[in-house]
Amino acid sequence: FNVGRNGEFDDLATQAVRRFRREWEEWCELRLVEPYPVANLDIIEKSYDSVIIPTDRKCHYKAAIGERNKWLAENCDMMIVYIKRDYGGAYKCYKYAQELGVPIMNIADNIKNQEL
């Protein structure tokens, strides 16, 4: 599983994968994908199986999260998202993944359907 570290959903996804790994550790890898080098990376990386910083994306640091999100969409077999609104970085990543034909599960859709 590739995860980020830039929002609440990233934290929830990371926690869910860690719980899943308790039973399926040999099958499951947790990879942190950072948009750029960060301080204390040596400490952070101890919490993940590996850390990836896509180096093929040359851009200003303010655009780096969006570029990282594109990398995530381009390098996944399936995307799990929690999208409730039609704006923001996560939404742009979601739309880009749709354009690429990536299978997507939007957890927000499941929650909406359960509330009805």
N, C-alpha and C. Protein backbone atom coordinates (compact mmCIF):
# COMPACT_ATOMS: atom_id res chain seq x y z
N PHE A 1 0.84 -1.17 0.00
CA PHE A 1 0.00 0.00 0.00
C PHE A 1 0.88 1.23 0.00
N ASN A 2 0.60 2.16 -0.90
CA ASN A 2 1.29 3.45 -0.93
C ASN A 2 0.42 4.45 -0.20
N VAL A 3 1.01 5.18 0.73
CA VAL A 3 0.27 6.19 1.48
C VAL A 3 1.06 7.48 1.52
N GLY A 4 0.34 8.56 1.75
CA GLY A 4 0.96 9.86 1.97
C GLY A 4 0.99 10.15 3.46
N ARG A 5 1.30 11.39 3.77
CA ARG A 5 1.38 11.80 5.17
C ARG A 5 0.96 13.27 5.28
N ASN A 6 -0.09 13.63 4.52
CA ASN A 6 -0.46 15.04 4.44
C ASN A 6 -1.89 15.33 4.85
N GLY A 7 -2.56 14.43 5.51
CA GLY A 7 -3.93 14.71 5.90
C GLY A 7 -4.51 13.61 6.77
N GLU A 8 -5.73 13.86 7.23
CA GLU A 8 -6.39 12.90 8.12
C GLU A 8 -6.61 11.55 7.45
N PHE A 9 -7.02 11.57 6.17
CA PHE A 9 -7.26 10.30 5.50
C PHE A 9 -5.97 9.50 5.39
N ASP A 10 -4.85 10.18 5.13
CA ASP A 10 -3.56 9.49 5.07
C ASP A 10 -3.29 8.77 6.39
N ASP A 11 -3.55 9.46 7.50
CA ASP A 11 -3.33 8.86 8.81
C ASP A 11 -4.26 7.66 9.04
N LEU A 12 -5.52 7.82 8.68
CA LEU A 12 -6.48 6.72 8.85
C LEU A 12 -6.12 5.53 7.97
N ALA A 13 -5.72 5.80 6.74
CA ALA A 13 -5.33 4.72 5.83
C ALA A 13 -4.11 3.97 6.37
N THR A 14 -3.15 4.71 6.86
CA THR A 14 -1.94 4.10 7.43
C THR A 14 -2.31 3.20 8.61
N GLN A 15 -3.17 3.70 9.49
CA GLN A 15 -3.60 2.90 10.64
C GLN A 15 -4.33 1.63 10.19
N ALA A 16 -5.18 1.76 9.18
CA ALA A 16 -5.93 0.60 8.69
C ALA A 16 -4.98 -0.45 8.10
N VAL A 17 -3.99 -0.01 7.35
CA VAL A 17 -3.03 -0.95 6.76
C VAL A 17 -2.23 -1.63 7.87
N ARG A 18 -1.86 -0.89 8.88
CA ARG A 18 -1.11 -1.49 9.99
C ARG A 18 -1.94 -2.56 10.70
N ARG A 19 -3.24 -2.31 10.88
CA ARG A 19 -4.11 -3.32 11.49
C ARG A 19 -4.21 -4.54 10.58
N PHE A 20 -4.36 -4.31 9.30
CA PHE A 20 -4.45 -5.40 8.32
C PHE A 20 -3.19 -6.26 8.35
N ARG A 21 -2.05 -5.61 8.50
CA ARG A 21 -0.76 -6.30 8.48
C ARG A 21 -0.59 -7.27 9.63
N ARG A 22 -1.31 -7.06 10.70
CA ARG A 22 -1.17 -7.97 11.85
C ARG A 22 -1.42 -9.41 11.44
N GLU A 23 -2.35 -9.60 10.50
CA GLU A 23 -2.66 -10.96 10.05
C GLU A 23 -2.03 -11.30 8.71
N TRP A 24 -1.67 -10.31 7.92
CA TRP A 24 -1.21 -10.55 6.55
C TRP A 24 0.15 -9.91 6.29
N GLU A 25 1.02 -9.89 7.27
CA GLU A 25 2.28 -9.17 7.14
C GLU A 25 3.12 -9.62 5.95
N GLU A 26 3.14 -10.92 5.69
CA GLU A 26 3.97 -11.41 4.58
C GLU A 26 3.42 -10.98 3.22
N TRP A 27 2.18 -10.55 3.18
CA TRP A 27 1.51 -10.18 1.94
C TRP A 27 1.42 -8.67 1.75
N CYS A 28 1.65 -7.93 2.80
CA CYS A 28 1.32 -6.51 2.81
C CYS A 28 2.56 -5.65 3.10
N GLU A 29 2.78 -4.66 2.25
CA GLU A 29 3.87 -3.71 2.45
C GLU A 29 3.29 -2.31 2.56
N LEU A 30 3.78 -1.54 3.51
CA LEU A 30 3.34 -0.16 3.72
C LEU A 30 4.45 0.78 3.28
N ARG A 31 4.19 1.51 2.19
CA ARG A 31 5.19 2.43 1.64
C ARG A 31 4.71 3.87 1.79
N LEU A 32 5.53 4.69 2.37
CA LEU A 32 5.26 6.12 2.46
C LEU A 32 5.79 6.79 1.20
N VAL A 33 4.95 7.59 0.56
CA VAL A 33 5.38 8.33 -0.63
C VAL A 33 5.36 9.81 -0.26
N GLU A 34 6.55 10.37 -0.11
CA GLU A 34 6.69 11.78 0.26
C GLU A 34 6.85 12.63 -0.99
N PRO A 35 6.35 13.86 -0.97
CA PRO A 35 6.48 14.72 -2.14
C PRO A 35 7.88 15.31 -2.31
N TYR A 36 8.64 15.35 -1.22
CA TYR A 36 9.99 15.93 -1.23
C TYR A 36 10.71 15.47 0.03
N PRO A 37 12.02 15.61 0.08
CA PRO A 37 12.75 15.22 1.29
C PRO A 37 12.26 16.03 2.49
N VAL A 38 12.15 15.38 3.63
CA VAL A 38 11.66 16.03 4.84
C VAL A 38 12.65 15.84 5.98
N ALA A 39 12.55 16.71 6.97
CA ALA A 39 13.40 16.58 8.15
C ALA A 39 13.04 15.31 8.91
N ASN A 40 13.98 14.74 9.57
CA ASN A 40 13.79 13.55 10.40
C ASN A 40 13.31 12.34 9.62
N LEU A 41 13.65 12.27 8.35
CA LEU A 41 13.21 11.14 7.53
C LEU A 41 13.72 9.82 8.09
N ASP A 42 14.90 9.83 8.69
CA ASP A 42 15.44 8.60 9.27
C ASP A 42 14.55 8.07 10.40
N ILE A 43 13.90 8.96 11.12
CA ILE A 43 12.98 8.54 12.19
C ILE A 43 11.64 8.11 11.58
N ILE A 44 11.14 8.89 10.64
CA ILE A 44 9.85 8.60 10.01
C ILE A 44 9.87 7.25 9.31
N GLU A 45 10.97 6.96 8.60
CA GLU A 45 11.01 5.74 7.79
C GLU A 45 10.99 4.47 8.63
N LYS A 46 11.25 4.56 9.91
CA LYS A 46 11.18 3.38 10.78
C LYS A 46 9.74 2.88 10.93
N SER A 47 8.77 3.73 10.63
CA SER A 47 7.36 3.37 10.76
C SER A 47 6.78 2.75 9.49
N TYR A 48 7.60 2.63 8.45
CA TYR A 48 7.14 2.12 7.15
C TYR A 48 8.11 1.07 6.65
N ASP A 49 7.65 0.26 5.72
CA ASP A 49 8.55 -0.72 5.11
C ASP A 49 9.55 -0.04 4.19
N SER A 50 9.10 1.03 3.54
CA SER A 50 10.00 1.80 2.69
C SER A 50 9.43 3.20 2.51
N VAL A 51 10.29 4.09 2.07
CA VAL A 51 9.90 5.47 1.78
C VAL A 51 10.31 5.78 0.35
N ILE A 52 9.39 6.33 -0.40
CA ILE A 52 9.65 6.69 -1.79
C ILE A 52 9.50 8.20 -1.92
N ILE A 53 10.46 8.82 -2.57
CA ILE A 53 10.35 10.24 -2.93
C ILE A 53 10.55 10.28 -4.44
N PRO A 54 9.46 10.40 -5.20
CA PRO A 54 9.60 10.39 -6.66
C PRO A 54 10.54 11.51 -7.11
N THR A 55 11.66 11.13 -7.67
CA THR A 55 12.66 12.13 -8.05
C THR A 55 12.54 12.56 -9.50
N ASP A 56 11.64 11.92 -10.24
CA ASP A 56 11.49 12.28 -11.64
C ASP A 56 10.60 13.52 -11.82
N ARG A 57 10.06 14.03 -10.73
CA ARG A 57 9.17 15.19 -10.78
C ARG A 57 9.93 16.43 -10.34
N LYS A 58 10.41 17.20 -11.27
CA LYS A 58 11.13 18.43 -10.94
C LYS A 58 10.13 19.57 -10.92
N CYS A 59 9.90 20.13 -9.74
CA CYS A 59 8.93 21.21 -9.62
C CYS A 59 9.20 22.01 -8.35
N HIS A 60 8.55 23.14 -8.25
CA HIS A 60 8.61 23.97 -7.05
C HIS A 60 7.99 23.18 -5.89
N TYR A 61 8.50 23.38 -4.69
CA TYR A 61 8.02 22.58 -3.56
C TYR A 61 6.52 22.76 -3.32
N LYS A 62 5.96 23.91 -3.67
CA LYS A 62 4.52 24.11 -3.47
C LYS A 62 3.68 23.26 -4.42
N ALA A 63 4.27 22.84 -5.51
CA ALA A 63 3.56 21.97 -6.46
C ALA A 63 3.88 20.50 -6.22
N ALA A 64 4.77 20.22 -5.30
CA ALA A 64 5.28 18.86 -5.12
C ALA A 64 4.21 17.87 -4.65
N ILE A 65 3.28 18.30 -3.81
CA ILE A 65 2.24 17.37 -3.34
C ILE A 65 1.35 16.95 -4.50
N GLY A 66 0.98 17.89 -5.34
CA GLY A 66 0.18 17.55 -6.52
C GLY A 66 0.92 16.60 -7.46
N GLU A 67 2.21 16.83 -7.63
CA GLU A 67 3.01 15.95 -8.48
C GLU A 67 3.15 14.57 -7.85
N ARG A 68 3.31 14.53 -6.53
CA ARG A 68 3.37 13.25 -5.83
C ARG A 68 2.05 12.50 -6.02
N ASN A 69 0.93 13.24 -5.93
CA ASN A 69 -0.37 12.61 -6.10
C ASN A 69 -0.52 12.02 -7.51
N LYS A 70 -0.02 12.73 -8.50
CA LYS A 70 -0.03 12.19 -9.87
C LYS A 70 0.78 10.91 -9.93
N TRP A 71 1.94 10.92 -9.29
CA TRP A 71 2.79 9.72 -9.25
C TRP A 71 2.03 8.56 -8.62
N LEU A 72 1.32 8.85 -7.52
CA LEU A 72 0.53 7.79 -6.86
C LEU A 72 -0.49 7.20 -7.83
N ALA A 73 -1.20 8.06 -8.55
CA ALA A 73 -2.21 7.59 -9.50
C ALA A 73 -1.57 6.76 -10.62
N GLU A 74 -0.41 7.17 -11.06
CA GLU A 74 0.27 6.47 -12.15
C GLU A 74 0.90 5.16 -11.72
N ASN A 75 1.07 4.97 -10.43
CA ASN A 75 1.80 3.80 -9.93
C ASN A 75 0.97 2.96 -8.96
N CYS A 76 -0.31 2.85 -9.24
CA CYS A 76 -1.15 2.01 -8.38
C CYS A 76 -1.99 1.06 -9.23
N ASP A 77 -2.38 -0.03 -8.62
CA ASP A 77 -3.28 -0.99 -9.27
C ASP A 77 -4.73 -0.66 -8.96
N MET A 78 -4.94 -0.03 -7.82
CA MET A 78 -6.27 0.39 -7.38
C MET A 78 -6.08 1.55 -6.42
N MET A 79 -7.05 2.46 -6.40
CA MET A 79 -6.96 3.60 -5.51
C MET A 79 -8.17 3.60 -4.57
N ILE A 80 -7.89 3.76 -3.29
CA ILE A 80 -8.95 3.90 -2.29
C ILE A 80 -8.91 5.34 -1.82
N VAL A 81 -10.05 6.03 -1.93
CA VAL A 81 -10.11 7.45 -1.60
C VAL A 81 -11.30 7.73 -0.69
N TYR A 82 -11.29 8.92 -0.13
CA TYR A 82 -12.44 9.43 0.62
C TYR A 82 -12.68 10.84 0.09
N ILE A 83 -13.51 10.92 -0.95
CA ILE A 83 -13.76 12.19 -1.64
C ILE A 83 -15.22 12.58 -1.43
N LYS A 84 -15.43 13.73 -0.79
CA LYS A 84 -16.79 14.23 -0.56
C LYS A 84 -17.07 15.53 -1.31
N ARG A 85 -16.04 16.17 -1.83
CA ARG A 85 -16.23 17.46 -2.50
C ARG A 85 -15.47 17.48 -3.81
N ASP A 86 -15.84 18.40 -4.66
CA ASP A 86 -15.27 18.41 -6.01
C ASP A 86 -14.19 19.49 -6.17
N TYR A 87 -13.32 19.59 -5.20
CA TYR A 87 -12.17 20.49 -5.28
C TYR A 87 -11.09 20.00 -4.33
N GLY A 88 -9.90 20.53 -4.50
CA GLY A 88 -8.78 20.18 -3.64
C GLY A 88 -7.84 19.17 -4.27
N GLY A 89 -6.73 18.96 -3.61
CA GLY A 89 -5.69 18.08 -4.13
C GLY A 89 -6.10 16.63 -4.24
N ALA A 90 -6.81 16.13 -3.24
CA ALA A 90 -7.26 14.73 -3.29
C ALA A 90 -8.24 14.54 -4.45
N TYR A 91 -9.11 15.52 -4.65
CA TYR A 91 -10.07 15.43 -5.76
C TYR A 91 -9.35 15.44 -7.10
N LYS A 92 -8.35 16.30 -7.24
CA LYS A 92 -7.59 16.33 -8.50
C LYS A 92 -6.90 14.99 -8.75
N CYS A 93 -6.36 14.40 -7.71
CA CYS A 93 -5.71 13.09 -7.84
C CYS A 93 -6.74 12.04 -8.26
N TYR A 94 -7.89 12.08 -7.64
CA TYR A 94 -8.99 11.16 -7.95
C TYR A 94 -9.40 11.29 -9.42
N LYS A 95 -9.57 12.51 -9.89
CA LYS A 95 -9.97 12.73 -11.29
C LYS A 95 -8.87 12.26 -12.25
N TYR A 96 -7.63 12.50 -11.89
CA TYR A 96 -6.51 12.06 -12.73
C TYR A 96 -6.49 10.54 -12.81
N ALA A 97 -6.69 9.89 -11.67
CA ALA A 97 -6.73 8.42 -11.66
C ALA A 97 -7.88 7.90 -12.52
N GLN A 98 -9.02 8.58 -12.48
CA GLN A 98 -10.14 8.20 -13.35
C GLN A 98 -9.73 8.29 -14.81
N GLU A 99 -9.07 9.39 -15.17
CA GLU A 99 -8.62 9.57 -16.56
C GLU A 99 -7.68 8.45 -16.99
N LEU A 100 -6.87 7.97 -16.06
CA LEU A 100 -5.93 6.89 -16.36
C LEU A 100 -6.61 5.52 -16.39
N GLY A 101 -7.85 5.46 -15.94
CA GLY A 101 -8.57 4.19 -15.92
C GLY A 101 -8.26 3.33 -14.70
N VAL A 102 -7.74 3.94 -13.65
CA VAL A 102 -7.43 3.21 -12.42
C VAL A 102 -8.74 2.84 -11.72
N PRO A 103 -8.90 1.59 -11.30
CA PRO A 103 -10.08 1.24 -10.49
C PRO A 103 -10.03 2.02 -9.17
N ILE A 104 -11.17 2.61 -8.80
CA ILE A 104 -11.21 3.48 -7.62
C ILE A 104 -12.37 3.07 -6.72
N MET A 105 -12.09 3.01 -5.43
CA MET A 105 -13.14 2.82 -4.43
C MET A 105 -13.20 4.09 -3.60
N ASN A 106 -14.33 4.78 -3.68
CA ASN A 106 -14.52 5.99 -2.88
C ASN A 106 -15.31 5.61 -1.64
N ILE A 107 -14.65 5.56 -0.52
CA ILE A 107 -15.28 5.16 0.73
C ILE A 107 -16.43 6.09 1.09
N ALA A 108 -16.33 7.35 0.72
CA ALA A 108 -17.40 8.31 1.01
C ALA A 108 -18.71 7.87 0.38
N ASP A 109 -18.66 7.25 -0.80
CA ASP A 109 -19.88 6.75 -1.43
C ASP A 109 -20.54 5.67 -0.58
N ASN A 110 -19.73 4.79 -0.02
CA ASN A 110 -20.27 3.72 0.82
C ASN A 110 -20.92 4.28 2.08
N ILE A 111 -20.33 5.30 2.65
CA ILE A 111 -20.88 5.90 3.86
C ILE A 111 -22.20 6.60 3.54
N LYS A 112 -22.26 7.33 2.42
CA LYS A 112 -23.50 8.00 2.02
C LYS A 112 -24.62 6.99 1.84
N ASN A 113 -24.33 5.87 1.18
CA ASN A 113 -25.35 4.85 0.93
C ASN A 113 -25.85 4.22 2.22
N GLN A 114 -25.00 4.08 3.22
CA GLN A 114 -25.40 3.49 4.49
C GLN A 114 -26.28 4.45 5.29
N GLU A 115 -26.10 5.76 5.07
CA GLU A 115 -26.88 6.75 5.81
C GLU A 115 -28.30 6.87 5.28
N LEU A 116 -28.53 6.43 4.04
CA LEU A 116 -29.87 6.57 3.43
C LEU A 116 -30.87 5.60 4.00
